[in-house]
C-alpha atoms as a PDB file:
ATOM      1  CA  MET A   1       0.000   0.000   0.000  1.00  0.00           C
ATOM      2  CA  SER A   2       2.786   2.408   0.808  1.00  0.00           C
ATOM      3  CA  THR A   3       5.835   3.628  -1.044  1.00  0.00           C
ATOM      4  CA  LEU A   4       8.578   5.851   0.249  1.00  0.00           C
ATOM      5  CA  THR A   5       8.326   9.407  -1.086  1.00  0.00           C
ATOM      6  CA  ASP A   6       9.992  12.587   0.088  1.00  0.00           C
ATOM      7  CA  THR A   7       7.104  13.622   2.319  1.00  0.00           C
ATOM      8  CA  PRO A   8       4.978  11.131   4.243  1.00  0.00           C
ATOM      9  CA  ARG A   9       1.294  11.874   3.728  1.00  0.00           C
ATOM     10  CA  ILE A  10      -2.149  10.445   4.311  1.00  0.00           C
ATOM     11  CA  TYR A  11      -5.330  10.498   2.237  1.00  0.00           C
ATOM     12  CA  VAL A  12      -8.233  11.242   4.565  1.00  0.00           C
ATOM     13  CA  ALA A  13     -11.743  10.645   3.204  1.00  0.00           C
ATOM     14  CA  CYS A  14     -15.140  11.874   4.344  1.00  0.00           C
ATOM     15  CA  LEU A  15     -17.161   8.812   5.343  1.00  0.00           C
ATOM     16  CA  ALA A  16     -20.534  10.491   4.777  1.00  0.00           C
ATOM     17  CA  ALA A  17     -19.563  11.187   1.176  1.00  0.00           C
ATOM     18  CA  TYR A  18     -18.126   7.688   0.797  1.00  0.00           C
ATOM     19  CA  ASN A  19     -21.346   6.106   2.102  1.00  0.00           C
ATOM     20  CA  ASN A  20     -23.301   8.135  -0.483  1.00  0.00           C
ATOM     21  CA  GLY A  21     -21.123   6.995  -3.378  1.00  0.00           C
ATOM     22  CA  PHE A  22     -18.806  10.003  -3.582  1.00  0.00           C
ATOM     23  CA  LEU A  23     -15.050   9.989  -3.272  1.00  0.00           C
ATOM     24  CA  HIS A  24     -14.176  13.087  -1.311  1.00  0.00           C
ATOM     25  CA  GLY A  25     -10.991  13.558   0.638  1.00  0.00           C
ATOM     26  CA  ALA A  26      -7.620  15.241   0.756  1.00  0.00           C
ATOM     27  CA  TRP A  27      -3.948  14.334   0.773  1.00  0.00           C
ATOM     28  CA  ILE A  28      -2.404  15.774   3.919  1.00  0.00           C
ATOM     29  CA  ASP A  29       1.300  15.970   4.730  1.00  0.00           C
ATOM     30  CA  ALA A  30       1.997  13.929   7.859  1.00  0.00           C
ATOM     31  CA  ASP A  31       5.168  15.746   8.903  1.00  0.00           C
ATOM     32  CA  GLN A  32       3.334  18.592  10.611  1.00  0.00           C
ATOM     33  CA  ASP A  33       1.760  19.375  13.946  1.00  0.00           C
ATOM     34  CA  VAL A  34      -1.258  17.273  14.924  1.00  0.00           C
ATOM     35  CA  ASP A  35      -3.407  20.419  15.197  1.00  0.00           C
ATOM     36  CA  ASP A  36      -2.567  21.330  11.595  1.00  0.00           C
ATOM     37  CA  ILE A  37      -3.523  17.833  10.413  1.00  0.00           C
ATOM     38  CA  GLN A  38      -6.839  18.034  12.282  1.00  0.00           C
ATOM     39  CA  ALA A  39      -7.527  21.505  10.830  1.00  0.00           C
ATOM     40  CA  LYS A  40      -6.976  20.193   7.307  1.00  0.00           C
ATOM     41  CA  VAL A  41      -9.323  17.271   7.966  1.00  0.00           C
ATOM     42  CA  ARG A  42     -12.009  19.661   9.260  1.00  0.00           C
ATOM     43  CA  ALA A  43     -11.559  21.858   6.171  1.00  0.00           C
ATOM     44  CA  MET A  44     -11.914  18.805   3.910  1.00  0.00           C
ATOM     45  CA  LEU A  45     -15.082  17.708   5.737  1.00  0.00           C
ATOM     46  CA  LYS A  46     -16.615  21.195   5.335  1.00  0.00           C
ATOM     47  CA  THR A  47     -16.327  20.942   1.545  1.00  0.00           C
ATOM     48  CA  SER A  48     -17.863  17.478   1.313  1.00  0.00           C
ATOM     49  CA  PRO A  49     -20.657  16.996  -1.259  1.00  0.00           C
ATOM     50  CA  ALA A  50     -22.553  15.000   1.385  1.00  0.00           C
ATOM     51  CA  TRP A  51     -23.555  18.283   3.080  1.00  0.00           C
ATOM     52  CA  GLN A  52     -25.788  18.990   0.070  1.00  0.00           C
ATOM     53  CA  LEU A  53     -27.564  15.687   0.743  1.00  0.00           C
ATOM     54  CA  GLY A  54     -28.309  16.771   4.294  1.00  0.00           C
ATOM     55  CA  ASP A  55     -25.711  14.532   5.918  1.00  0.00           C
ATOM     56  CA  ILE A  56     -23.551  15.647   8.797  1.00  0.00           C
ATOM     57  CA  CYS A  57     -19.910  15.253   7.786  1.00  0.00           C
ATOM     58  CA  GLU A  58     -17.962  14.522  10.936  1.00  0.00           C
ATOM     59  CA  GLU A  59     -16.487  11.086  10.363  1.00  0.00           C
ATOM     60  CA  TRP A  60     -13.340  10.393   8.417  1.00  0.00           C
ATOM     61  CA  ALA A  61     -10.992   7.516   7.607  1.00  0.00           C
ATOM     62  CA  ILE A  62      -7.468   7.223   6.286  1.00  0.00           C
ATOM     63  CA  HIS A  63      -8.015   5.508   2.944  1.00  0.00           C
ATOM     64  CA  ASP A  64      -4.450   5.668   1.688  1.00  0.00           C
ATOM     65  CA  TYR A  65      -0.976   6.796   2.643  1.00  0.00           C
ATOM     66  CA  GLU A  66       2.465   7.072   1.123  1.00  0.00           C
ATOM     67  CA  GLY A  67       5.969   7.799   2.251  1.00  0.00           C
ATOM     68  CA  PHE A  68       5.759   5.487   5.275  1.00  0.00           C
ATOM     69  CA  GLY A  69       7.892   2.659   3.852  1.00  0.00           C
ATOM     70  CA  ASP A  70       6.918  -0.627   5.513  1.00  0.00           C
ATOM     71  CA  ILE A  71       5.050   1.077   8.363  1.00  0.00           C
ATOM     72  CA  GLN A  72       1.373   0.141   8.361  1.00  0.00           C
ATOM     73  CA  LEU A  73      -1.346   2.654   9.305  1.00  0.00           C
ATOM     74  CA  SER A  74      -4.938   1.778  10.131  1.00  0.00           C
ATOM     75  CA  GLU A  75      -7.971   3.583   8.756  1.00  0.00           C
ATOM     76  CA  TRP A  76      -8.503   5.283  12.094  1.00  0.00           C
ATOM     77  CA  GLU A  77      -4.893   5.857  13.102  1.00  0.00           C
ATOM     78  CA  ASP A  78      -4.553   8.516  15.761  1.00  0.00           C
ATOM     79  CA  PHE A  79      -3.343  11.803  14.261  1.00  0.00           C
ATOM     80  CA  GLU A  80      -0.807  12.150  17.083  1.00  0.00           C
ATOM     81  CA  THR A  81       0.756   8.893  15.888  1.00  0.00           C
ATOM     82  CA  VAL A  82       0.621  10.033  12.262  1.00  0.00           C
ATOM     83  CA  ALA A  83       2.289  13.373  13.106  1.00  0.00           C
ATOM     84  CA  THR A  84       5.010  11.745  15.232  1.00  0.00           C
ATOM     85  CA  LEU A  85       5.773   9.163  12.541  1.00  0.00           C
ATOM     86  CA  GLY A  86       5.649  11.829   9.826  1.00  0.00           C
ATOM     87  CA  GLU A  87       8.162  14.028  11.618  1.00  0.00           C
ATOM     88  CA  ALA A  88      10.529  11.122  12.315  1.00  0.00           C
ATOM     89  CA  ILE A  89      10.363   9.979   8.685  1.00  0.00           C
ATOM     90  CA  ALA A  90      10.948  13.529   7.441  1.00  0.00           C
ATOM     91  CA  ASP A  91      13.949  13.849   9.763  1.00  0.00           C
ATOM     92  CA  HIS A  92      15.512  10.395   9.314  1.00  0.00           C
ATOM     93  CA  GLY A  93      14.024   8.884   6.150  1.00  0.00           C
ATOM     94  CA  PRO A  94      14.250   5.175   5.385  1.00  0.00           C
ATOM     95  CA  ALA A  95      16.642   4.551   8.295  1.00  0.00           C
ATOM     96  CA  PHE A  96      13.726   5.255  10.627  1.00  0.00           C
ATOM     97  CA  THR A  97      11.068   3.384   8.617  1.00  0.00           C
ATOM     98  CA  GLN A  98      13.259   0.259   8.547  1.00  0.00           C
ATOM     99  CA  TYR A  99      13.811   0.515  12.303  1.00  0.00           C
ATOM    100  CA  TYR A 100      10.142   1.155  13.137  1.00  0.00           C
ATOM    101  CA  ALA A 101       8.902  -1.665  10.927  1.00  0.00           C
ATOM    102  CA  THR A 102      11.215  -4.016  12.862  1.00  0.00           C
ATOM    103  CA  PHE A 103      10.967  -2.671  16.415  1.00  0.00           C
ATOM    104  CA  THR A 104       8.419  -0.761  18.424  1.00  0.00           C
ATOM    105  CA  TYR A 105       8.898   0.118  22.060  1.00  0.00           C
ATOM    106  CA  GLY A 106       5.745   0.216  24.169  1.00  0.00           C
ATOM    107  CA  ASP A 107       2.496   1.735  23.037  1.00  0.00           C
ATOM    108  CA  CYS A 108       3.971   5.175  22.469  1.00  0.00           C
ATOM    109  CA  VAL A 109       5.416   6.005  19.065  1.00  0.00           C
ATOM    110  CA  ALA A 110       7.487   8.754  20.700  1.00  0.00           C
ATOM    111  CA  ASP A 111       9.281   6.061  22.753  1.00  0.00           C
ATOM    112  CA  THR A 112      10.299   4.257  19.568  1.00  0.00           C
ATOM    113  CA  VAL A 113      11.488   7.530  17.999  1.00  0.00           C
ATOM    114  CA  ALA A 114      13.601   8.263  21.088  1.00  0.00           C
ATOM    115  CA  GLN A 115      15.032   4.729  21.061  1.00  0.00           C
ATOM    116  CA  PHE A 116      15.836   5.025  17.348  1.00  0.00           C
ATOM    117  CA  LYS A 117      17.836   8.190  18.042  1.00  0.00           C
ATOM    118  CA  GLU A 118      19.878   6.275  20.621  1.00  0.00           C
ATOM    119  CA  ASP A 119      20.329   3.132  18.515  1.00  0.00           C
ATOM    120  CA  TYR A 120      21.007   4.452  15.009  1.00  0.00           C
ATOM    121  CA  ARG A 121      24.697   4.306  14.042  1.00  0.00           C
ATOM    122  CA  GLY A 122      24.483   5.521  10.451  1.00  0.00           C
ATOM    123  CA  THR A 123      24.579   4.214   6.910  1.00  0.00           C
ATOM    124  CA  TRP A 124      27.571   2.105   5.920  1.00  0.00           C
ATOM    125  CA  ASN A 125      28.840   0.343   2.816  1.00  0.00           C
ATOM    126  CA  SER A 126      28.984  -2.884   4.847  1.00  0.00           C
ATOM    127  CA  GLU A 127      28.903  -4.213   8.391  1.00  0.00           C
ATOM    128  CA  SER A 128      32.662  -4.800   8.245  1.00  0.00           C
ATOM    129  CA  MET A 129      33.285  -1.160   7.278  1.00  0.00           C
ATOM    130  CA  PHE A 130      31.305  -0.110  10.343  1.00  0.00           C
ATOM    131  CA  VAL A 131      33.492  -2.398  12.478  1.00  0.00           C
ATOM    132  CA  GLU A 132      36.674  -1.031  10.913  1.00  0.00           C
ATOM    133  CA  GLN A 133      35.624   2.551  11.662  1.00  0.00           C
ATOM    134  CA  CYS A 134      34.774   1.646  15.270  1.00  0.00           C
ATOM    135  CA  LEU A 135      38.160  -0.041  15.727  1.00  0.00           C
ATOM    136  CA  GLU A 136      39.859   2.979  14.239  1.00  0.00           C
ATOM    137  CA  ASP A 137      37.873   5.409  16.412  1.00  0.00           C
ATOM    138  CA  ASP A 138      38.644   3.572  19.652  1.00  0.00           C
ATOM    139  CA  GLY A 139      42.362   3.275  18.862  1.00  0.00           C
ATOM    140  CA  THR A 140      42.452  -0.488  18.407  1.00  0.00           C
ATOM    141  CA  LEU A 141      43.942  -0.333  14.907  1.00  0.00           C
ATOM    142  CA  ASP A 142      46.651   2.078  16.082  1.00  0.00           C
ATOM    143  CA  ALA A 143      47.429  -0.211  19.029  1.00  0.00           C
ATOM    144  CA  VAL A 144      47.758  -3.210  16.696  1.00  0.00           C
ATOM    145  CA  GLU A 145      50.113  -1.268  14.460  1.00  0.00           C
ATOM    146  CA  ALA A 146      52.104   0.051  17.460  1.00  0.00           C
ATOM    147  CA  ALA A 147      52.557  -3.564  18.568  1.00  0.00           C
ATOM    148  CA  GLY A 148      54.304  -4.237  15.252  1.00  0.00           C
ATOM    149  CA  LEU A 149      51.399  -6.097  13.648  1.00  0.00           C
ATOM    150  CA  ASN A 150      49.796  -5.369  10.313  1.00  0.00           C
ATOM    151  CA  PRO A 151      46.186  -4.202  10.841  1.00  0.00           C
ATOM    152  CA  SER A 152      45.208  -5.735   7.500  1.00  0.00           C
ATOM    153  CA  TYR A 153      45.524  -9.164   9.168  1.00  0.00           C
ATOM    154  CA  ILE A 154      42.485  -8.397  11.320  1.00  0.00           C
ATOM    155  CA  ASP A 155      39.494 -10.378  10.064  1.00  0.00           C
ATOM    156  CA  LEU A 156      36.903  -7.578  10.005  1.00  0.00           C
ATOM    157  CA  GLU A 157      34.259  -9.903   8.517  1.00  0.00           C
ATOM    158  CA  ALA A 158      34.587 -12.310  11.461  1.00  0.00           C
ATOM    159  CA  ILE A 159      34.415  -9.469  13.978  1.00  0.00           C
ATOM    160  CA  ALA A 160      31.357  -8.085  12.183  1.00  0.00           C
ATOM    161  CA  ARG A 161      29.627 -11.484  12.367  1.00  0.00           C
ATOM    162  CA  ASP A 162      30.243 -11.547  16.124  1.00  0.00           C
ATOM    163  CA  TRP A 163      29.149  -7.971  16.711  1.00  0.00           C
ATOM    164  CA  PHE A 164      26.000  -8.344  14.616  1.00  0.00           C
ATOM    165  CA  ILE A 165      24.906 -11.467  16.484  1.00  0.00           C
ATOM    166  CA  ASN A 166      24.506  -9.697  19.819  1.00  0.00           C
ATOM    167  CA  ASP A 167      25.333  -5.997  19.877  1.00  0.00           C
ATOM    168  CA  TYR A 168      24.193  -4.588  16.529  1.00  0.00           C
ATOM    169  CA  PHE A 169      21.797  -5.277  13.708  1.00  0.00           C
ATOM    170  CA  SER A 170      21.555  -3.948  10.187  1.00  0.00           C
ATOM    171  CA  ALA A 171      18.880  -3.385   7.583  1.00  0.00           C
ATOM    172  CA  PRO A 172      19.179  -2.866   3.825  1.00  0.00           C
ATOM    173  CA  ALA A 173      19.712   0.740   2.750  1.00  0.00           C
ATOM    174  CA  PRO A 174      19.644   2.304  -0.710  1.00  0.00           C
ATOM    175  CA  ASN A 175      22.652   1.908  -3.003  1.00  0.00           C
ATOM    176  CA  TYR A 176      23.613  -1.524  -1.626  1.00  0.00           C
ATOM    177  CA  GLN A 177      24.474  -0.074   1.774  1.00  0.00           C
ATOM    178  CA  VAL A 178      23.236  -0.985   5.252  1.00  0.00           C
ATOM    179  CA  PHE A 179      21.696   0.944   8.110  1.00  0.00           C
ATOM    180  CA  VAL A 180      23.389   0.010  11.376  1.00  0.00           C
ATOM    181  CA  TYR A 181      21.623   0.055  14.755  1.00  0.00           C
ATOM    182  CA  HIS A 182      22.739  -0.814  18.254  1.00  0.00           C
ATOM    183  CA  ARG A 183      20.627  -3.464  19.952  1.00  0.00           C
ATOM    184  CA  SER A 184      18.988  -1.979  23.030  1.00  0.00           C
END
């Protein structure tokens, strides 16, 4: 149902119009404040053709969405959830959608966003390149060289296999890269 576009958005439909055989709704950007989303839904409902039939147009449903990657939304998803997800996707893109589709923490989307910010380690060409950079950053490669050993003898692939069993996980990223996350 969903593809990943630049801006996550939802299509909200008027149910009174839908029940009378009309398709009436609006695409609304999800990466905005919840009050702005609700205001746009109210504006869409006010222009519904069902008003002319004497119906009261108060009920809505999310009939489509895009830009959420593998994240699934229900027809009656809370707009607070939509806004929080929309902002996180706008800020972090597919790295967040991959993470969210795999892990959710508690009932609060904000908790998962906060955990993502702690766990995300970036986009890498491979798991072994991530390991190499970590070993370089913490001085391990310099220590190996100072001990008179050639750092190229270090089996980065084997270390990566070990690290990604317990401490880290990765997900496919564009351009044959990987997103790397710390396991909480």
